[in-house]
Amino acid sequence: MESPRRVASGTPKSSAQQGNLTGPARVLNDVVVSFYNSIQKWNEAYLSGVRVIQSIQSSNGDQDQIQSSCEKLGSLIDVMRFHSNQLQTFCSKLTNLTALNNTKLKIGVSWTYENFGNFWSPHL
């Protein structure tokens, strides 16, 4: 089974903005960070669910173990549902941020808000 891949941290060397982020750039940064964290937590729950399902398969009919595993699986499904809903909320926030900010402000190094909005709109 593959483990989740780590994304390199850090910032690009040539940043258009210096110092602390404010305004829409700060909101965008916060939403993207929250989006990433929710994906990571959803993935952790998914991988835990796979291990629980494997334990059910190898339980050899032990009803107590199966019952316990099914309860764990139900809890993991609730966690995954929560994070899935969070991801939908973050997509809406990104779309709204794009609609509110009609400037050509660069996001990161090369994306404008318009590009960013066009990227997220089909995914809602």
Protein backbone atom coordinates (compact mmCIF):
# COMPACT_ATOMS: atom_id res chain seq x y z
CA MET A 1 0.00 0.00 0.00
CA GLU A 2 1.36 3.42 -0.91
CA SER A 3 1.86 6.00 1.79
CA PRO A 4 0.80 9.62 1.22
CA ARG A 5 3.41 11.71 -0.52
CA ARG A 6 4.89 14.72 1.17
CA VAL A 7 4.82 18.06 -0.57
CA ALA A 8 7.96 20.16 -0.32
CA SER A 9 7.49 23.16 1.91
CA GLY A 10 8.83 26.60 1.34
CA THR A 11 8.12 29.55 -0.88
CA PRO A 12 9.30 30.47 -4.34
CA LYS A 13 12.50 32.51 -4.33
CA SER A 14 11.01 35.32 -6.41
CA SER A 15 7.89 36.37 -4.57
CA ALA A 16 5.86 39.33 -5.80
CA GLN A 17 4.89 40.25 -2.25
CA GLN A 18 7.20 40.82 0.69
CA GLY A 19 6.29 40.62 4.39
CA ASN A 20 3.00 39.50 5.89
CA LEU A 21 0.04 38.78 3.65
CA THR A 22 -3.04 40.97 4.04
CA GLY A 23 -6.45 41.29 2.44
CA PRO A 24 -7.48 38.86 -0.29
CA ALA A 25 -4.00 37.35 -0.51
CA ARG A 26 -4.19 36.40 3.19
CA VAL A 27 -7.69 34.95 2.80
CA LEU A 28 -6.53 32.96 -0.21
CA ASN A 29 -3.49 31.66 1.65
CA ASP A 30 -5.60 30.63 4.65
CA VAL A 31 -8.15 28.81 2.48
CA VAL A 32 -5.46 26.97 0.50
CA VAL A 33 -3.71 25.88 3.73
CA SER A 34 -7.02 24.68 5.20
CA PHE A 35 -7.84 22.90 1.93
CA TYR A 36 -4.52 21.06 2.00
CA ASN A 37 -4.93 20.11 5.67
CA SER A 38 -8.43 18.73 5.05
CA ILE A 39 -7.15 16.64 2.16
CA GLN A 40 -4.42 15.22 4.40
CA LYS A 41 -6.90 14.38 7.18
CA TRP A 42 -9.35 12.81 4.71
CA ASN A 43 -6.49 10.72 3.33
CA GLU A 44 -5.45 9.59 6.83
CA ALA A 45 -9.03 8.47 7.53
CA TYR A 46 -9.16 6.67 4.18
CA LEU A 47 -5.93 4.77 4.85
CA SER A 48 -7.13 3.87 8.36
CA GLY A 49 -10.36 2.61 6.81
CA VAL A 50 -8.42 0.38 4.44
CA ARG A 51 -6.60 -1.15 7.42
CA VAL A 52 -9.91 -1.70 9.25
CA ILE A 53 -11.41 -3.41 6.20
CA GLN A 54 -8.33 -5.63 5.97
CA SER A 55 -8.75 -6.56 9.64
CA ILE A 56 -12.40 -7.48 8.99
CA GLN A 57 -11.31 -9.70 6.12
CA SER A 58 -8.79 -11.50 8.32
CA SER A 59 -11.06 -11.79 11.38
CA ASN A 60 -12.02 -15.42 10.62
CA GLY A 61 -15.63 -14.78 11.64
CA ASP A 62 -14.90 -13.41 15.14
CA GLN A 63 -18.14 -11.48 15.71
CA ASP A 64 -16.73 -9.24 18.46
CA GLN A 65 -13.80 -8.18 16.30
CA ILE A 66 -16.08 -7.61 13.32
CA GLN A 67 -18.46 -5.49 15.41
CA SER A 68 -15.59 -3.39 16.81
CA SER A 69 -14.10 -2.93 13.35
CA CYS A 70 -17.44 -1.88 11.87
CA GLU A 71 -17.84 0.75 14.60
CA LYS A 72 -14.35 2.10 13.83
CA LEU A 73 -15.21 2.13 10.14
CA GLY A 74 -18.39 4.10 10.84
CA SER A 75 -16.40 6.70 12.77
CA LEU A 76 -13.87 6.98 9.95
CA ILE A 77 -16.67 7.46 7.42
CA ASP A 78 -18.00 10.34 9.55
CA VAL A 79 -14.52 11.93 9.55
CA MET A 80 -14.25 11.54 5.79
CA ARG A 81 -17.73 13.01 5.28
CA PHE A 82 -16.82 16.00 7.48
CA HIS A 83 -13.65 16.72 5.50
CA SER A 84 -15.43 16.24 2.20
CA ASN A 85 -17.95 18.88 3.27
CA GLN A 86 -15.07 21.14 4.34
CA LEU A 87 -13.49 20.78 0.89
CA GLN A 88 -16.76 21.82 -0.75
CA THR A 89 -16.91 24.85 1.55
CA PHE A 90 -13.34 25.80 0.65
CA CYS A 91 -14.17 25.54 -3.08
CA SER A 92 -17.09 27.91 -2.53
CA LYS A 93 -14.86 30.33 -0.63
CA LEU A 94 -12.32 30.31 -3.45
CA THR A 95 -15.04 30.96 -6.01
CA ASN A 96 -16.48 33.80 -3.91
CA LEU A 97 -13.04 35.30 -3.37
CA THR A 98 -12.52 35.30 -7.13
CA ALA A 99 -15.89 36.97 -7.71
CA LEU A 100 -15.21 39.65 -5.08
CA ASN A 101 -11.76 40.48 -6.35
CA ASN A 102 -11.84 41.36 -10.03
CA THR A 103 -8.29 42.64 -10.04
CA LYS A 104 -5.39 41.24 -11.96
CA LEU A 105 -3.51 40.63 -8.70
CA LYS A 106 -1.08 37.75 -9.12
CA ILE A 107 -1.63 34.64 -7.00
CA GLY A 108 1.69 33.08 -6.14
CA VAL A 109 4.03 33.70 -9.04
CA SER A 110 1.92 33.60 -12.19
CA TRP A 111 -1.83 33.03 -11.60
CA THR A 112 -4.32 35.89 -11.56
CA TYR A 113 -7.58 35.61 -9.62
CA GLU A 114 -9.31 35.14 -12.97
CA ASN A 115 -7.16 32.08 -13.79
CA PHE A 116 -7.71 30.69 -10.32
CA GLY A 117 -11.49 31.12 -10.56
CA ASN A 118 -11.58 29.45 -13.98
CA PHE A 119 -9.66 26.51 -12.55
CA TRP A 120 -12.01 25.96 -9.58
CA SER A 121 -15.39 26.67 -11.20
CA PRO A 122 -15.68 23.34 -13.09
CA HIS A 123 -14.76 21.41 -9.92
CA LEU A 124 -17.78 22.57 -7.90
